[in-house]
Amino acid sequence: MRVAPEQIATAVQTIRQRLGDVPVWLFGSRVHDGSKGGDIDLYVELPRPASPLVVARTRGDLADALGQHVDLVVNDGRREQPIYAIARETGVRLA
């Protein structure tokens, strides 16, 4: 994985401060040591629908805390998207 343990801890803590005790996955290019790519792709599953404002603030908090662009994919159970399955199947669960 091309994410430092400190970055993982910061990301999980930031997400949980805003969204609660939810599962978090890292997916995308950062999962593979040999891949390239600058942003950090994170996927979370929420037990209930989330306010778009809370999700946007979480994205901003993550970018500020990690000092780089973060793609945050949020599955709040309203509808299934193909990216959810991709993140679960190819990602690494962080929390």
Protein backbone atom coordinates (compact mmCIF):
# COMPACT_ATOMS: atom_id res chain seq x y z
CA MET A 1 0.00 0.00 0.00
CA ARG A 2 1.18 3.48 -0.81
CA VAL A 3 -0.37 5.10 2.23
CA ALA A 4 1.56 5.62 5.45
CA PRO A 5 0.18 4.21 8.71
CA GLU A 6 -0.16 7.77 10.01
CA GLN A 7 -2.27 8.72 6.99
CA ILE A 8 -4.51 5.71 7.56
CA ALA A 9 -5.01 6.60 11.21
CA THR A 10 -5.75 10.22 10.33
CA ALA A 11 -8.22 9.26 7.59
CA VAL A 12 -10.12 6.81 9.79
CA GLN A 13 -10.23 9.26 12.70
CA THR A 14 -11.46 12.09 10.47
CA ILE A 15 -14.17 9.94 8.90
CA ARG A 16 -15.36 8.64 12.24
CA GLN A 17 -15.52 12.13 13.75
CA ARG A 18 -17.96 13.19 11.03
CA LEU A 19 -19.75 9.96 10.06
CA GLY A 20 -19.52 7.70 13.12
CA ASP A 21 -18.04 4.24 13.64
CA VAL A 22 -18.29 3.08 10.03
CA PRO A 23 -16.26 0.65 7.91
CA VAL A 24 -13.58 2.31 5.75
CA TRP A 25 -11.78 0.90 2.70
CA LEU A 26 -8.82 2.18 0.71
CA PHE A 27 -9.15 1.39 -2.99
CA GLY A 28 -7.73 2.49 -6.30
CA SER A 29 -4.10 3.02 -7.23
CA ARG A 30 -2.89 3.52 -3.65
CA VAL A 31 -3.62 -0.14 -2.84
CA HIS A 32 -0.86 -1.31 -5.18
CA ASP A 33 2.78 -0.48 -4.52
CA GLY A 34 3.68 -0.49 -8.22
CA SER A 35 0.86 1.80 -9.35
CA LYS A 36 0.98 5.53 -9.78
CA GLY A 37 -1.59 8.09 -8.83
CA GLY A 38 -1.79 11.05 -6.56
CA ASP A 39 -5.14 11.02 -4.84
CA ILE A 40 -6.38 8.75 -2.07
CA ASP A 41 -9.58 6.84 -2.79
CA LEU A 42 -11.66 5.94 0.28
CA TYR A 43 -14.98 4.11 0.48
CA VAL A 44 -17.32 4.08 3.47
CA GLU A 45 -20.61 2.35 4.21
CA LEU A 46 -23.13 4.19 6.35
CA PRO A 47 -26.07 2.63 8.17
CA ARG A 48 -28.39 5.48 7.16
CA PRO A 49 -28.58 8.28 4.57
CA ALA A 50 -26.09 11.08 5.04
CA SER A 51 -26.54 14.78 4.52
CA PRO A 52 -24.69 16.00 1.40
CA LEU A 53 -23.28 18.82 3.54
CA VAL A 54 -21.80 16.37 6.07
CA VAL A 55 -20.25 14.32 3.25
CA ALA A 56 -18.79 17.45 1.64
CA ARG A 57 -17.35 18.61 4.96
CA THR A 58 -15.85 15.17 5.54
CA ARG A 59 -14.15 15.33 2.13
CA GLY A 60 -12.76 18.75 2.96
CA ASP A 61 -11.57 17.64 6.39
CA LEU A 62 -9.81 14.64 4.83
CA ALA A 63 -8.07 16.78 2.21
CA ASP A 64 -6.95 19.25 4.87
CA ALA A 65 -5.77 16.55 7.28
CA LEU A 66 -3.91 14.54 4.64
CA GLY A 67 -2.64 17.48 2.60
CA GLN A 68 -3.83 16.09 -0.72
CA HIS A 69 -6.89 15.34 -2.81
CA VAL A 70 -9.15 12.61 -1.43
CA ASP A 71 -11.95 10.87 -3.32
CA LEU A 72 -14.52 9.79 -0.75
CA VAL A 73 -17.17 7.38 -2.00
CA VAL A 74 -20.10 7.09 0.40
CA ASN A 75 -22.60 4.25 0.29
CA ASP A 76 -25.48 5.31 2.51
CA GLY A 77 -27.83 2.56 1.39
CA ARG A 78 -30.05 4.66 -0.85
CA ARG A 79 -29.02 2.88 -4.05
CA GLU A 80 -26.36 0.49 -5.22
CA GLN A 81 -23.63 1.85 -7.50
CA PRO A 82 -21.03 -0.26 -9.38
CA ILE A 83 -18.19 1.62 -7.66
CA TYR A 84 -19.32 0.22 -4.30
CA ALA A 85 -18.68 -3.36 -5.38
CA ILE A 86 -15.37 -2.39 -6.99
CA ALA A 87 -14.19 -0.67 -3.81
CA ARG A 88 -15.17 -3.63 -1.61
CA GLU A 89 -13.70 -6.27 -3.93
CA THR A 90 -10.44 -4.55 -4.86
CA GLY A 91 -9.88 -2.43 -1.78
CA VAL A 92 -8.26 -2.98 1.57
CA ARG A 93 -10.42 -2.54 4.63
CA LEU A 94 -8.78 -0.05 6.97
CA ALA A 95 -11.37 -0.04 9.75
